């Protein structure tokens, strides 16, 4: 699967919405392609207490629930990213890296259209 297809999957779930007077969701979406060829998507959930849930964590939860953990490609995008990819935050980088021994090789689409790896984004990873 090419990155444009993976980005389209993320964009298909990108949809800002209010969940309650304290929570919103969908301002960032992520899509993961696993080594088995499956795609998992997720959206962020934001709450004011700093306990938010990143889109990458949401996609990872769906993937792990389905019995997978190895990601070969990933993309995240937000409502302010003009339909382009964006780098995962540091917390998500470390989280993804920890889910499988080979996830440091996972390719990541960046905002400028370039591709890097989780390992390159985390040069001093665990």
PDB file of N, CA and C in Angstrom:
ATOM      1  N   UNK A   1       0.843  -1.177   0.000  1.00  0.00           N
ATOM      2  CA  UNK A   1       0.000   0.000   0.000  1.00  0.00           C
ATOM      3  C   UNK A   1       0.887   1.239   0.000  1.00  0.00           C
ATOM      4  N   UNK A   2       0.550   2.177  -0.844  1.00  0.00           N
ATOM      5  CA  UNK A   2       1.293   3.432  -0.935  1.00  0.00           C
ATOM      6  C   UNK A   2       0.821   4.408   0.154  1.00  0.00           C
ATOM      7  N   UNK A   3       1.673   5.389   0.445  1.00  0.00           N
ATOM      8  CA  UNK A   3       1.338   6.352   1.483  1.00  0.00           C
ATOM      9  C   UNK A   3       0.093   7.173   1.158  1.00  0.00           C
ATOM     10  N   UNK A   4      -0.160   7.463  -0.118  1.00  0.00           N
ATOM     11  CA  UNK A   4      -1.359   8.238  -0.438  1.00  0.00           C
ATOM     12  C   UNK A   4      -2.631   7.478  -0.078  1.00  0.00           C
ATOM     13  N   UNK A   5      -2.624   6.161  -0.236  1.00  0.00           N
ATOM     14  CA  UNK A   5      -3.768   5.339   0.165  1.00  0.00           C
ATOM     15  C   UNK A   5      -3.922   5.310   1.683  1.00  0.00           C
ATOM     16  N   UNK A   6      -2.802   5.202   2.383  1.00  0.00           N
ATOM     17  CA  UNK A   6      -2.837   5.179   3.843  1.00  0.00           C
ATOM     18  C   UNK A   6      -3.309   6.530   4.387  1.00  0.00           C
ATOM     19  N   UNK A   7      -2.843   7.607   3.763  1.00  0.00           N
ATOM     20  CA  UNK A   7      -3.291   8.939   4.158  1.00  0.00           C
ATOM     21  C   UNK A   7      -4.793   9.095   3.926  1.00  0.00           C
ATOM     22  N   UNK A   8      -5.289   8.568   2.833  1.00  0.00           N
ATOM     23  CA  UNK A   8      -6.731   8.621   2.555  1.00  0.00           C
ATOM     24  C   UNK A   8      -7.528   7.888   3.632  1.00  0.00           C
ATOM     25  N   UNK A   9      -6.993   6.784   4.122  1.00  0.00           N
ATOM     26  CA  UNK A   9      -7.671   6.046   5.209  1.00  0.00           C
ATOM     27  C   UNK A   9      -7.736   6.898   6.471  1.00  0.00           C
ATOM     28  N   UNK A  10      -6.642   7.587   6.792  1.00  0.00           N
ATOM     29  CA  UNK A  10      -6.644   8.464   7.963  1.00  0.00           C
ATOM     30  C   UNK A  10      -7.617   9.618   7.755  1.00  0.00           C
ATOM     31  N   UNK A  11      -7.581  10.230   6.584  1.00  0.00           N
ATOM     32  CA  UNK A  11      -8.478  11.359   6.307  1.00  0.00           C
ATOM     33  C   UNK A  11      -9.950  10.950   6.365  1.00  0.00           C
ATOM     34  N   UNK A  12     -10.235   9.681   6.081  1.00  0.00           N
ATOM     35  CA  UNK A  12     -11.631   9.217   6.093  1.00  0.00           C
ATOM     36  C   UNK A  12     -12.232   9.201   7.501  1.00  0.00           C
ATOM     37  N   UNK A  13     -11.391   9.169   8.534  1.00  0.00           N
ATOM     38  CA  UNK A  13     -11.911   9.179   9.913  1.00  0.00           C
ATOM     39  C   UNK A  13     -11.658  10.508  10.618  1.00  0.00           C
ATOM     40  N   UNK A  14     -10.963  11.430   9.944  1.00  0.00           N
ATOM     41  CA  UNK A  14     -10.703  12.756  10.501  1.00  0.00           C
ATOM     42  C   UNK A  14     -11.998  13.545  10.492  1.00  0.00           C
ATOM     43  N   UNK A  15     -12.532  13.840  11.674  1.00  0.00           N
ATOM     44  CA  UNK A  15     -13.835  14.489  11.771  1.00  0.00           C
ATOM     45  C   UNK A  15     -13.995  15.045  13.182  1.00  0.00           C
ATOM     46  N   UNK A  16     -13.744  16.323  13.331  1.00  0.00           N
ATOM     47  CA  UNK A  16     -13.858  16.921  14.659  1.00  0.00           C
ATOM     48  C   UNK A  16     -15.297  16.855  15.141  1.00  0.00           C
ATOM     49  N   UNK A  17     -15.463  16.430  16.383  1.00  0.00           N
ATOM     50  CA  UNK A  17     -16.803  16.349  16.977  1.00  0.00           C
ATOM     51  C   UNK A  17     -16.713  16.512  18.488  1.00  0.00           C
ATOM     52  N   UNK A  18     -17.763  17.018  19.063  1.00  0.00           N
ATOM     53  CA  UNK A  18     -17.861  17.189  20.511  1.00  0.00           C
ATOM     54  C   UNK A  18     -18.509  15.938  21.086  1.00  0.00           C
ATOM     55  N   UNK A  19     -17.842  15.346  22.068  1.00  0.00           N
ATOM     56  CA  UNK A  19     -18.374  14.158  22.732  1.00  0.00           C
ATOM     57  C   UNK A  19     -19.201  14.531  23.952  1.00  0.00           C
ATOM     58  N   UNK A  20     -18.755  15.568  24.655  1.00  0.00           N
ATOM     59  CA  UNK A  20     -19.448  16.054  25.846  1.00  0.00           C
ATOM     60  C   UNK A  20     -19.001  17.493  26.064  1.00  0.00           C
ATOM     61  N   UNK A  21     -19.472  18.109  27.137  1.00  0.00           N
ATOM     62  CA  UNK A  21     -19.021  19.473  27.398  1.00  0.00           C
ATOM     63  C   UNK A  21     -17.539  19.513  27.791  1.00  0.00           C
ATOM     64  N   UNK A  22     -16.929  18.352  28.037  1.00  0.00           N
ATOM     65  CA  UNK A  22     -15.521  18.283  28.418  1.00  0.00           C
ATOM     66  C   UNK A  22     -14.626  17.558  27.412  1.00  0.00           C
ATOM     67  N   UNK A  23     -15.188  16.995  26.375  1.00  0.00           N
ATOM     68  CA  UNK A  23     -14.375  16.165  25.480  1.00  0.00           C
ATOM     69  C   UNK A  23     -14.709  16.395  24.014  1.00  0.00           C
ATOM     70  N   UNK A  24     -13.655  16.437  23.199  1.00  0.00           N
ATOM     71  CA  UNK A  24     -13.798  16.462  21.751  1.00  0.00           C
ATOM     72  C   UNK A  24     -12.990  15.300  21.175  1.00  0.00           C
ATOM     73  N   UNK A  25     -13.251  15.000  19.935  1.00  0.00           N
ATOM     74  CA  UNK A  25     -12.523  13.916  19.268  1.00  0.00           C
ATOM     75  C   UNK A  25     -12.378  14.233  17.796  1.00  0.00           C
ATOM     76  N   UNK A  26     -11.424  13.576  17.169  1.00  0.00           N
ATOM     77  CA  UNK A  26     -11.315  13.594  15.720  1.00  0.00           C
ATOM     78  C   UNK A  26     -10.547  14.728  15.089  1.00  0.00           C
ATOM     79  N   UNK A  27      -9.806  15.533  15.867  1.00  0.00           N
ATOM     80  CA  UNK A  27      -9.012  16.599  15.251  1.00  0.00           C
ATOM     81  C   UNK A  27      -7.702  16.081  14.674  1.00  0.00           C
ATOM     82  N   UNK A  28      -7.300  14.890  15.076  1.00  0.00           N
ATOM     83  CA  UNK A  28      -6.148  14.196  14.508  1.00  0.00           C
ATOM     84  C   UNK A  28      -6.580  12.755  14.253  1.00  0.00           C
ATOM     85  N   UNK A  29      -6.147  12.211  13.121  1.00  0.00           N
ATOM     86  CA  UNK A  29      -6.435  10.820  12.778  1.00  0.00           C
ATOM     87  C   UNK A  29      -5.137  10.131  12.383  1.00  0.00           C
ATOM     88  N   UNK A  30      -5.085   8.833  12.590  1.00  0.00           N
ATOM     89  CA  UNK A  30      -3.908   8.047  12.230  1.00  0.00           C
ATOM     90  C   UNK A  30      -4.335   6.765  11.531  1.00  0.00           C
ATOM     91  N   UNK A  31      -3.450   6.267  10.688  1.00  0.00           N
ATOM     92  CA  UNK A  31      -3.660   4.974  10.031  1.00  0.00           C
ATOM     93  C   UNK A  31      -2.340   4.211  10.061  1.00  0.00           C
ATOM     94  N   UNK A  32      -2.417   2.950  10.448  1.00  0.00           N
ATOM     95  CA  UNK A  32      -1.258   2.055  10.526  1.00  0.00           C
ATOM     96  C   UNK A  32      -1.443   0.926   9.529  1.00  0.00           C
ATOM     97  N   UNK A  33      -0.398   0.609   8.803  1.00  0.00           N
ATOM     98  CA  UNK A  33      -0.345  -0.577   7.956  1.00  0.00           C
ATOM     99  C   UNK A  33       0.541  -1.589   8.656  1.00  0.00           C
ATOM    100  N   UNK A  34       0.025  -2.776   8.905  1.00  0.00           N
ATOM    101  CA  UNK A  34       0.802  -3.805   9.601  1.00  0.00           C
ATOM    102  C   UNK A  34       1.527  -4.709   8.609  1.00  0.00           C
ATOM    103  N   UNK A  35       2.415  -5.520   9.151  1.00  0.00           N
ATOM    104  CA  UNK A  35       3.152  -6.462   8.323  1.00  0.00           C
ATOM    105  C   UNK A  35       2.240  -7.513   7.692  1.00  0.00           C
ATOM    106  N   UNK A  36       1.037  -7.681   8.216  1.00  0.00           N
ATOM    107  CA  UNK A  36       0.084  -8.636   7.650  1.00  0.00           C
ATOM    108  C   UNK A  36      -0.813  -7.996   6.600  1.00  0.00           C
ATOM    109  N   UNK A  37      -0.590  -6.699   6.328  1.00  0.00           N
ATOM    110  CA  UNK A  37      -1.353  -6.014   5.291  1.00  0.00           C
ATOM    111  C   UNK A  37      -2.647  -5.389   5.758  1.00  0.00           C
ATOM    112  N   UNK A  38      -2.898  -5.407   7.050  1.00  0.00           N
ATOM    113  CA  UNK A  38      -4.120  -4.814   7.582  1.00  0.00           C
ATOM    114  C   UNK A  38      -3.895  -3.348   7.932  1.00  0.00           C
ATOM    115  N   UNK A  39      -4.963  -2.566   7.844  1.00  0.00           N
ATOM    116  CA  UNK A  39      -4.915  -1.148   8.185  1.00  0.00           C
ATOM    117  C   UNK A  39      -5.814  -0.909   9.389  1.00  0.00           C
ATOM    118  N   UNK A  40      -5.269  -0.176  10.353  1.00  0.00           N
ATOM    119  CA  UNK A  40      -6.017   0.205  11.553  1.00  0.00           C
ATOM    120  C   UNK A  40      -5.995   1.719  11.656  1.00  0.00           C
ATOM    121  N   UNK A  41      -7.149   2.287  11.952  1.00  0.00           N
ATOM    122  CA  UNK A  41      -7.257   3.739  12.077  1.00  0.00           C
ATOM    123  C   UNK A  41      -7.689   4.104  13.486  1.00  0.00           C
ATOM    124  N   UNK A  42      -7.467   5.360  13.814  1.00  0.00           N
ATOM    125  CA  UNK A  42      -7.890   5.863  15.109  1.00  0.00           C
ATOM    126  C   UNK A  42      -7.935   7.379  15.082  1.00  0.00           C
ATOM    127  N   UNK A  43      -8.635   7.945  16.038  1.00  0.00           N
ATOM    128  CA  UNK A  43      -8.706   9.400  16.183  1.00  0.00           C
ATOM    129  C   UNK A  43      -8.338   9.772  17.612  1.00  0.00           C
ATOM    130  N   UNK A  44      -7.936  11.020  17.775  1.00  0.00           N
ATOM    131  CA  UNK A  44      -7.607  11.504  19.110  1.00  0.00           C
ATOM    132  C   UNK A  44      -8.881  11.787  19.902  1.00  0.00           C
ATOM    133  N   UNK A  45      -8.741  11.759  21.211  1.00  0.00           N
ATOM    134  CA  UNK A  45      -9.802  12.168  22.140  1.00  0.00           C
ATOM    135  C   UNK A  45      -9.155  13.167  23.084  1.00  0.00           C
ATOM    136  N   UNK A  46      -9.669  14.383  23.094  1.00  0.00           N
ATOM    137  CA  UNK A  46      -9.090  15.451  23.902  1.00  0.00           C
ATOM    138  C   UNK A  46     -10.021  15.836  25.049  1.00  0.00           C
ATOM    139  N   UNK A  47      -9.440  15.909  26.236  1.00  0.00           N
ATOM    140  CA  UNK A  47     -10.162  16.353  27.434  1.00  0.00           C
ATOM    141  C   UNK A  47      -9.297  17.392  28.150  1.00  0.00           C
ATOM    142  N   UNK A  48      -9.892  18.285  28.935  1.00  0.00           N
ATOM    143  CA  UNK A  48      -9.120  19.378  29.525  1.00  0.00           C
ATOM    144  C   UNK A  48      -8.152  18.972  30.629  1.00  0.00           C
ATOM    145  N   UNK A  49      -8.256  17.806  31.177  1.00  0.00           N
ATOM    146  CA  UNK A  49      -7.422  17.400  32.310  1.00  0.00           C
ATOM    147  C   UNK A  49      -6.055  16.865  31.886  1.00  0.00           C
ATOM    148  N   UNK A  50      -5.707  16.976  30.605  1.00  0.00           N
ATOM    149  CA  UNK A  50      -4.410  16.495  30.154  1.00  0.00           C
ATOM    150  C   UNK A  50      -4.329  14.986  30.014  1.00  0.00           C
ATOM    151  N   UNK A  51      -5.460  14.322  30.028  1.00  0.00           N
ATOM    152  CA  UNK A  51      -5.492  12.862  29.910  1.00  0.00           C
ATOM    153  C   UNK A  51      -5.910  12.442  28.514  1.00  0.00           C
ATOM    154  N   UNK A  52      -5.635  13.263  27.527  1.00  0.00           N
ATOM    155  CA  UNK A  52      -6.056  12.966  26.174  1.00  0.00           C
ATOM    156  C   UNK A  52      -5.475  11.665  25.642  1.00  0.00           C
ATOM    157  N   UNK A  53      -6.021  11.242  24.542  1.00  0.00           N
ATOM    158  CA  UNK A  53      -5.671   9.980  23.908  1.00  0.00           C
ATOM    159  C   UNK A  53      -5.339  10.300  22.457  1.00  0.00           C
ATOM    160  N   UNK A  54      -4.081  10.129  22.070  1.00  0.00           N
ATOM    161  CA  UNK A  54      -3.646  10.456  20.719  1.00  0.00           C
ATOM    162  C   UNK A  54      -4.253   9.503  19.689  1.00  0.00           C
ATOM    163  N   UNK A  55      -4.359   9.983  18.453  1.00  0.00           N
ATOM    164  CA  UNK A  55      -4.874   9.162  17.363  1.00  0.00           C
ATOM    165  C   UNK A  55      -4.023   7.910  17.158  1.00  0.00           C
ATOM    166  N   UNK A  56      -2.715   8.051  17.331  1.00  0.00           N
ATOM    167  CA  UNK A  56      -1.826   6.905  17.175  1.00  0.00           C
ATOM    168  C   UNK A  56      -2.089   5.853  18.249  1.00  0.00           C
ATOM    169  N   UNK A  57      -2.390   6.299  19.459  1.00  0.00           N
ATOM    170  CA  UNK A  57      -2.738   5.348  20.524  1.00  0.00           C
ATOM    171  C   UNK A  57      -4.050   4.640  20.196  1.00  0.00           C
ATOM    172  N   UNK A  58      -4.981   5.378  19.635  1.00  0.00           N
ATOM    173  CA  UNK A  58      -6.266   4.800  19.257  1.00  0.00           C
ATOM    174  C   UNK A  58      -6.087   3.730  18.175  1.00  0.00           C
ATOM    175  N   UNK A  59      -5.298   4.040  17.148  1.00  0.00           N
ATOM    176  CA  UNK A  59      -5.037   3.059  16.090  1.00  0.00           C
ATOM    177  C   UNK A  59      -4.284   1.852  16.647  1.00  0.00           C
ATOM    178  N   UNK A  60      -3.332   2.113  17.541  1.00  0.00           N
ATOM    179  CA  UNK A  60      -2.578   1.014  18.156  1.00  0.00           C
ATOM    180  C   UNK A  60      -3.488   0.120  18.982  1.00  0.00           C
ATOM    181  N   UNK A  61      -4.425   0.704  19.695  1.00  0.00           N
ATOM    182  CA  UNK A  61      -5.355  -0.090  20.503  1.00  0.00           C
ATOM    183  C   UNK A  61      -6.187  -1.010  19.614  1.00  0.00           C
ATOM    184  N   UNK A  62      -6.658  -0.493  18.487  1.00  0.00           N
ATOM    185  CA  UNK A  62      -7.430  -1.331  17.562  1.00  0.00           C
ATOM    186  C   UNK A  62      -6.561  -2.459  17.009  1.00  0.00           C
ATOM    187  N   UNK A  63      -5.319  -2.131  16.670  1.00  0.00           N
ATOM    188  CA  UNK A  63      -4.389  -3.120  16.123  1.00  0.00           C
ATOM    189  C   UNK A  63      -4.085  -4.219  17.139  1.00  0.00           C
ATOM    190  N   UNK A  64      -3.761  -3.834  18.354  1.00  0.00           N
ATOM    191  CA  UNK A  64      -3.433  -4.804  19.398  1.00  0.00           C
ATOM    192  C   UNK A  64      -4.660  -5.653  19.741  1.00  0.00           C
ATOM    193  N   UNK A  65      -5.826  -5.036  19.773  1.00  0.00           N
ATOM    194  CA  UNK A  65      -7.063  -5.780  20.027  1.00  0.00           C
ATOM    195  C   UNK A  65      -7.266  -6.872  18.977  1.00  0.00           C
ATOM    196  N   UNK A  66      -6.850  -6.579  17.736  1.00  0.00           N
ATOM    197  CA  UNK A  66      -6.978  -7.558  16.648  1.00  0.00           C
ATOM    198  C   UNK A  66      -5.840  -8.581  16.636  1.00  0.00           C
ATOM    199  N   UNK A  67      -4.893  -8.460  17.571  1.00  0.00           N
ATOM    200  CA  UNK A  67      -3.825  -9.451  17.691  1.00  0.00           C
ATOM    201  C   UNK A  67      -2.553  -9.121  16.944  1.00  0.00           C
ATOM    202  N   UNK A  68      -2.385  -7.863  16.531  1.00  0.00           N
ATOM    203  CA  UNK A  68      -1.184  -7.472  15.802  1.00  0.00           C
ATOM    204  C   UNK A  68      -0.405  -6.427  16.581  1.00  0.00           C
ATOM    205  N   UNK A  69       0.889  -6.278  16.235  1.00  0.00           N
ATOM    206  CA  UNK A  69       1.700  -5.253  16.892  1.00  0.00           C
ATOM    207  C   UNK A  69       2.808  -4.687  16.011  1.00  0.00           C
ATOM    208  N   UNK A  70       3.058  -5.282  14.854  1.00  0.00           N
ATOM    209  CA  UNK A  70       4.146  -4.809  13.991  1.00  0.00           C
ATOM    210  C   UNK A  70       3.599  -3.871  12.913  1.00  0.00           C
ATOM    211  N   UNK A  71       4.101  -2.633  12.931  1.00  0.00           N
ATOM    212  CA  UNK A  71       3.656  -1.601  11.993  1.00  0.00           C
ATOM    213  C   UNK A  71       4.761  -1.387  10.964  1.00  0.00           C
ATOM    214  N   UNK A  72       4.394  -1.397   9.678  1.00  0.00           N
ATOM    215  CA  UNK A  72       5.392  -1.152   8.638  1.00  0.00           C
ATOM    216  C   UNK A  72       5.306   0.269   8.085  1.00  0.00           C
ATOM    217  N   UNK A  73       4.114   0.853   8.083  1.00  0.00           N
ATOM    218  CA  UNK A  73       3.919   2.227   7.629  1.00  0.00           C
ATOM    219  C   UNK A  73       2.866   2.878   8.505  1.00  0.00           C
ATOM    220  N   UNK A  74       3.034   4.180   8.726  1.00  0.00           N
ATOM    221  CA  UNK A  74       2.013   4.903   9.478  1.00  0.00           C
ATOM    222  C   UNK A  74       1.924   6.330   8.980  1.00  0.00           C
ATOM    223  N   UNK A  75       0.751   6.887   9.164  1.00  0.00           N
ATOM    224  CA  UNK A  75       0.531   8.288   8.861  1.00  0.00           C
ATOM    225  C   UNK A  75      -0.417   8.855   9.908  1.00  0.00           C
ATOM    226  N   UNK A  76      -0.164  10.082  10.281  1.00  0.00           N
ATOM    227  CA  UNK A  76      -1.084  10.833  11.134  1.00  0.00           C
ATOM    228  C   UNK A  76      -1.337  12.154  10.432  1.00  0.00           C
ATOM    229  N   UNK A  77      -2.514  12.703  10.624  1.00  0.00           N
ATOM    230  CA  UNK A  77      -2.855  13.985  10.026  1.00  0.00           C
ATOM    231  C   UNK A  77      -3.884  14.680  10.898  1.00  0.00           C
ATOM    232  N   UNK A  78      -3.848  15.981  10.878  1.00  0.00           N
ATOM    233  CA  UNK A  78      -4.785  16.756  11.685  1.00  0.00           C
ATOM    234  C   UNK A  78      -5.602  17.701  10.833  1.00  0.00           C
ATOM    235  N   UNK A  79      -6.623  18.276  11.433  1.00  0.00           N
ATOM    236  CA  UNK A  79      -7.492  19.179  10.677  1.00  0.00           C
ATOM    237  C   UNK A  79      -6.747  20.418  10.191  1.00  0.00           C
ATOM    238  N   UNK A  80      -5.621  20.735  10.796  1.00  0.00           N
ATOM    239  CA  UNK A  80      -4.824  21.888  10.390  1.00  0.00           C
ATOM    240  C   UNK A  80      -3.637  21.513   9.507  1.00  0.00           C
ATOM    241  N   UNK A  81      -3.556  20.277   9.044  1.00  0.00           N
ATOM    242  CA  UNK A  81      -2.403  19.813   8.277  1.00  0.00           C
ATOM    243  C   UNK A  81      -2.623  19.843   6.765  1.00  0.00           C
ATOM    244  N   UNK A  82      -3.734  20.403   6.314  1.00  0.00           N
ATOM    245  CA  UNK A  82      -4.008  20.552   4.876  1.00  0.00           C
ATOM    246  C   UNK A  82      -3.904  19.245   4.101  1.00  0.00           C
ATOM    247  N   UNK A  83      -4.374  18.158   4.710  1.00  0.00           N
ATOM    248  CA  UNK A  83      -4.390  16.875   4.027  1.00  0.00           C
ATOM    249  C   UNK A  83      -3.039  16.201   3.898  1.00  0.00           C
ATOM    250  N   UNK A  84      -2.072  16.648   4.687  1.00  0.00           N
ATOM    251  CA  UNK A  84      -0.728  16.058   4.658  1.00  0.00           C
ATOM    252  C   UNK A  84      -0.478  15.281   5.943  1.00  0.00           C
ATOM    253  N   UNK A  85       0.591  14.534   5.937  1.00  0.00           N
ATOM    254  CA  UNK A  85       0.996  13.803   7.128  1.00  0.00           C
ATOM    255  C   UNK A  85       1.639  14.723   8.145  1.00  0.00           C
ATOM    256  N   UNK A  86       1.785  14.225   9.346  1.00  0.00           N
ATOM    257  CA  UNK A  86       2.518  14.958  10.388  1.00  0.00           C
ATOM    258  C   UNK A  86       3.228  13.936  11.276  1.00  0.00           C
ATOM    259  N   UNK A  87       4.335  14.354  11.849  1.00  0.00           N
ATOM    260  CA  UNK A  87       5.109  13.454  12.697  1.00  0.00           C
ATOM    261  C   UNK A  87       4.356  13.167  13.990  1.00  0.00           C
ATOM    262  N   UNK A  88       4.426  11.947  14.486  1.00  0.00           N
ATOM    263  CA  UNK A  88       3.810  11.655  15.786  1.00  0.00           C
ATOM    264  C   UNK A  88       4.562  12.375  16.903  1.00  0.00           C
ATOM    265  N   UNK A  89       3.865  12.678  17.968  1.00  0.00           N
ATOM    266  CA  UNK A  89       4.504  13.315  19.114  1.00  0.00           C
ATOM    267  C   UNK A  89       5.505  12.341  19.747  1.00  0.00           C
ATOM    268  N   UNK A  90       6.343  12.834  20.626  1.00  0.00           N
ATOM    269  CA  UNK A  90       7.359  12.008  21.269  1.00  0.00           C
ATOM    270  C   UNK A  90       6.778  10.847  22.040  1.00  0.00           C
ATOM    271  N   UNK A  91       5.672  11.089  22.728  1.00  0.00           N
ATOM    272  CA  UNK A  91       5.014  10.022  23.491  1.00  0.00           C
ATOM    273  C   UNK A  91       4.576   8.888  22.561  1.00  0.00           C
ATOM    274  N   UNK A  92       3.995   9.255  21.412  1.00  0.00           N
ATOM    275  CA  UNK A  92       3.538   8.242  20.457  1.00  0.00           C
ATOM    276  C   UNK A  92       4.701   7.519  19.795  1.00  0.00           C
ATOM    277  N   UNK A  93       5.777   8.239  19.514  1.00  0.00           N
ATOM    278  CA  UNK A  93       6.958   7.611  18.929  1.00  0.00           C
ATOM    279  C   UNK A  93       7.474   6.499  19.835  1.00  0.00           C
ATOM    280  N   UNK A  94       7.628   6.825  21.103  1.00  0.00           N
ATOM    281  CA  UNK A  94       8.139   5.843  22.064  1.00  0.00           C
ATOM    282  C   UNK A  94       7.154   4.687  22.234  1.00  0.00           C
ATOM    283  N   UNK A  95       5.870   5.000  22.300  1.00  0.00           N
ATOM    284  CA  UNK A  95       4.828   3.986  22.450  1.00  0.00           C
ATOM    285  C   UNK A  95       4.863   2.997  21.286  1.00  0.00           C
ATOM    286  N   UNK A  96       4.872   3.515  20.060  1.00  0.00           N
ATOM    287  CA  UNK A  96       4.908   2.665  18.870  1.00  0.00           C
ATOM    288  C   UNK A  96       6.167   1.807  18.866  1.00  0.00           C
ATOM    289  N   UNK A  97       7.292   2.409  19.191  1.00  0.00           N
ATOM    290  CA  UNK A  97       8.561   1.687  19.238  1.00  0.00           C
ATOM    291  C   UNK A  97       8.497   0.501  20.196  1.00  0.00           C
ATOM    292  N   UNK A  98       7.807   0.658  21.307  1.00  0.00           N
ATOM    293  CA  UNK A  98       7.754  -0.391  22.334  1.00  0.00           C
ATOM    294  C   UNK A  98       6.820  -1.547  22.001  1.00  0.00           C
ATOM    295  N   UNK A  99       5.922  -1.381  21.039  1.00  0.00           N
ATOM    296  CA  UNK A  99       4.926  -2.417  20.759  1.00  0.00           C
ATOM    297  C   UNK A  99       5.476  -3.634  20.032  1.00  0.00           C
ATOM    298  N   UNK A 100       6.566  -3.460  19.290  1.00  0.00           N
ATOM    299  CA  UNK A 100       7.184  -4.567  18.565  1.00  0.00           C
ATOM    300  C   UNK A 100       8.662  -4.242  18.368  1.00  0.00           C
ATOM    301  N   UNK A 101       9.509  -5.259  18.442  1.00  0.00           N
ATOM    302  CA  UNK A 101      10.955  -5.059  18.326  1.00  0.00           C
ATOM    303  C   UNK A 101      11.366  -4.410  17.010  1.00  0.00           C
ATOM    304  N   UNK A 102      10.566  -4.584  15.952  1.00  0.00           N
ATOM    305  CA  UNK A 102      10.915  -4.037  14.639  1.00  0.00           C
ATOM    306  C   UNK A 102      10.209  -2.728  14.303  1.00  0.00           C
ATOM    307  N   UNK A 103       9.416  -2.204  15.222  1.00  0.00           N
ATOM    308  CA  UNK A 103       8.674  -0.978  14.901  1.00  0.00           C
ATOM    309  C   UNK A 103       9.574   0.243  14.728  1.00  0.00           C
ATOM    310  N   UNK A 104      10.835   0.157  15.140  1.00  0.00           N
ATOM    311  CA  UNK A 104      11.746   1.276  14.864  1.00  0.00           C
ATOM    312  C   UNK A 104      11.976   1.435  13.365  1.00  0.00           C
ATOM    313  N   UNK A 105      11.660   0.399  12.588  1.00  0.00           N
ATOM    314  CA  UNK A 105      11.788   0.435  11.131  1.00  0.00           C
ATOM    315  C   UNK A 105      10.525   0.959  10.444  1.00  0.00           C
ATOM    316  N   UNK A 106       9.471   1.177  11.197  1.00  0.00           N
ATOM    317  CA  UNK A 106       8.204   1.665  10.652  1.00  0.00           C
ATOM    318  C   UNK A 106       8.423   2.975   9.906  1.00  0.00           C
ATOM    319  N   UNK A 107       7.950   3.056   8.681  1.00  0.00           N
ATOM    320  CA  UNK A 107       8.058   4.272   7.882  1.00  0.00           C
ATOM    321  C   UNK A 107       6.950   5.242   8.264  1.00  0.00           C
ATOM    322  N   UNK A 108       7.320   6.529   8.340  1.00  0.00           N
ATOM    323  CA  UNK A 108       6.397   7.581   8.764  1.00  0.00           C
ATOM    324  C   UNK A 108       6.369   8.673   7.699  1.00  0.00           C
ATOM    325  N   UNK A 109       5.165   9.047   7.258  1.00  0.00           N
ATOM    326  CA  UNK A 109       4.999  10.145   6.311  1.00  0.00           C
ATOM    327  C   UNK A 109       5.008  11.463   7.068  1.00  0.00           C
ATOM    328  N   UNK A 110       5.888  12.379   6.652  1.00  0.00           N
ATOM    329  CA  UNK A 110       5.999  13.683   7.297  1.00  0.00           C
ATOM    330  C   UNK A 110       5.255  14.755   6.497  1.00  0.00           C
ATOM    331  N   UNK A 111       5.086  15.904   7.092  1.00  0.00           N
ATOM    332  CA  UNK A 111       4.295  16.987   6.495  1.00  0.00           C
ATOM    333  C   UNK A 111       4.835  17.450   5.147  1.00  0.00           C
ATOM    334  N   UNK A 112       6.151  17.416   4.979  1.00  0.00           N
ATOM    335  CA  UNK A 112       6.737  17.874   3.720  1.00  0.00           C
ATOM    336  C   UNK A 112       6.722  16.794   2.638  1.00  0.00           C
ATOM    337  N   UNK A 113       6.105  15.646   2.935  1.00  0.00           N
ATOM    338  CA  UNK A 113       6.016  14.550   1.980  1.00  0.00           C
ATOM    339  C   UNK A 113       7.175  13.574   2.055  1.00  0.00           C
ATOM    340  N   UNK A 114       8.166  13.879   2.858  1.00  0.00           N
ATOM    341  CA  UNK A 114       9.291  12.959   3.014  1.00  0.00           C
ATOM    342  C   UNK A 114       8.902  11.807   3.935  1.00  0.00           C
ATOM    343  N   UNK A 115       9.715  10.783   3.889  1.00  0.00           N
ATOM    344  CA  UNK A 115       9.460   9.586   4.691  1.00  0.00           C
ATOM    345  C   UNK A 115      10.671   9.338   5.570  1.00  0.00           C
ATOM    346  N   UNK A 116      10.414   9.054   6.831  1.00  0.00           N
ATOM    347  CA  UNK A 116      11.473   8.707   7.773  1.00  0.00           C
ATOM    348  C   UNK A 116      11.016   7.475   8.536  1.00  0.00           C
ATOM    349  N   UNK A 117      11.750   7.097   9.547  1.00  0.00           N
ATOM    350  CA  UNK A 117      11.362   5.947  10.365  1.00  0.00           C
ATOM    351  C   UNK A 117      11.185   6.377  11.815  1.00  0.00           C
ATOM    352  N   UNK A 118      10.478   5.567  12.550  1.00  0.00           N
ATOM    353  CA  UNK A 118      10.350   5.802  13.992  1.00  0.00           C
ATOM    354  C   UNK A 118      11.738   5.836  14.621  1.00  0.00           C
ATOM    355  N   UNK A 119      12.622   4.967  14.184  1.00  0.00           N
ATOM    356  CA  UNK A 119      13.984   4.941  14.709  1.00  0.00           C
ATOM    357  C   UNK A 119      14.723   6.245  14.477  1.00  0.00           C
ATOM    358  N   UNK A 120      14.523   6.847  13.302  1.00  0.00           N
ATOM    359  CA  UNK A 120      15.165   8.132  13.033  1.00  0.00           C
ATOM    360  C   UNK A 120      14.557   9.253  13.859  1.00  0.00           C
ATOM    361  N   UNK A 121      13.269   9.143  14.150  1.00  0.00           N
ATOM    362  CA  UNK A 121      12.609  10.137  15.004  1.00  0.00           C
ATOM    363  C   UNK A 121      12.969   9.946  16.474  1.00  0.00           C
ATOM    364  N   UNK A 122      13.422   8.740  16.805  1.00  0.00           N
ATOM    365  CA  UNK A 122      13.820   8.395  18.181  1.00  0.00           C
ATOM    366  C   UNK A 122      15.258   7.878  18.184  1.00  0.00           C
ATOM    367  N   UNK A 123      16.243   8.719  17.940  1.00  0.00           N
ATOM    368  CA  UNK A 123      17.610   8.203  17.817  1.00  0.00           C
ATOM    369  C   UNK A 123      18.153   7.552  19.091  1.00  0.00           C
ATOM    370  N   UNK A 124      17.617   7.881  20.240  1.00  0.00           N
ATOM    371  CA  UNK A 124      18.085   7.284  21.498  1.00  0.00           C
ATOM    372  C   UNK A 124      16.986   6.444  22.132  1.00  0.00           C
ATOM    373  N   UNK A 125      16.281   5.694  21.287  1.00  0.00           N
ATOM    374  CA  UNK A 125      15.142   4.886  21.750  1.00  0.00           C
ATOM    375  C   UNK A 125      15.584   3.821  22.744  1.00  0.00           C
ATOM    376  N   UNK A 126      14.608   3.310  23.458  1.00  0.00           N
ATOM    377  CA  UNK A 126      14.871   2.231  24.414  1.00  0.00           C
ATOM    378  C   UNK A 126      15.247   0.954  23.693  1.00  0.00           C
TER     379      UNK A 126
END
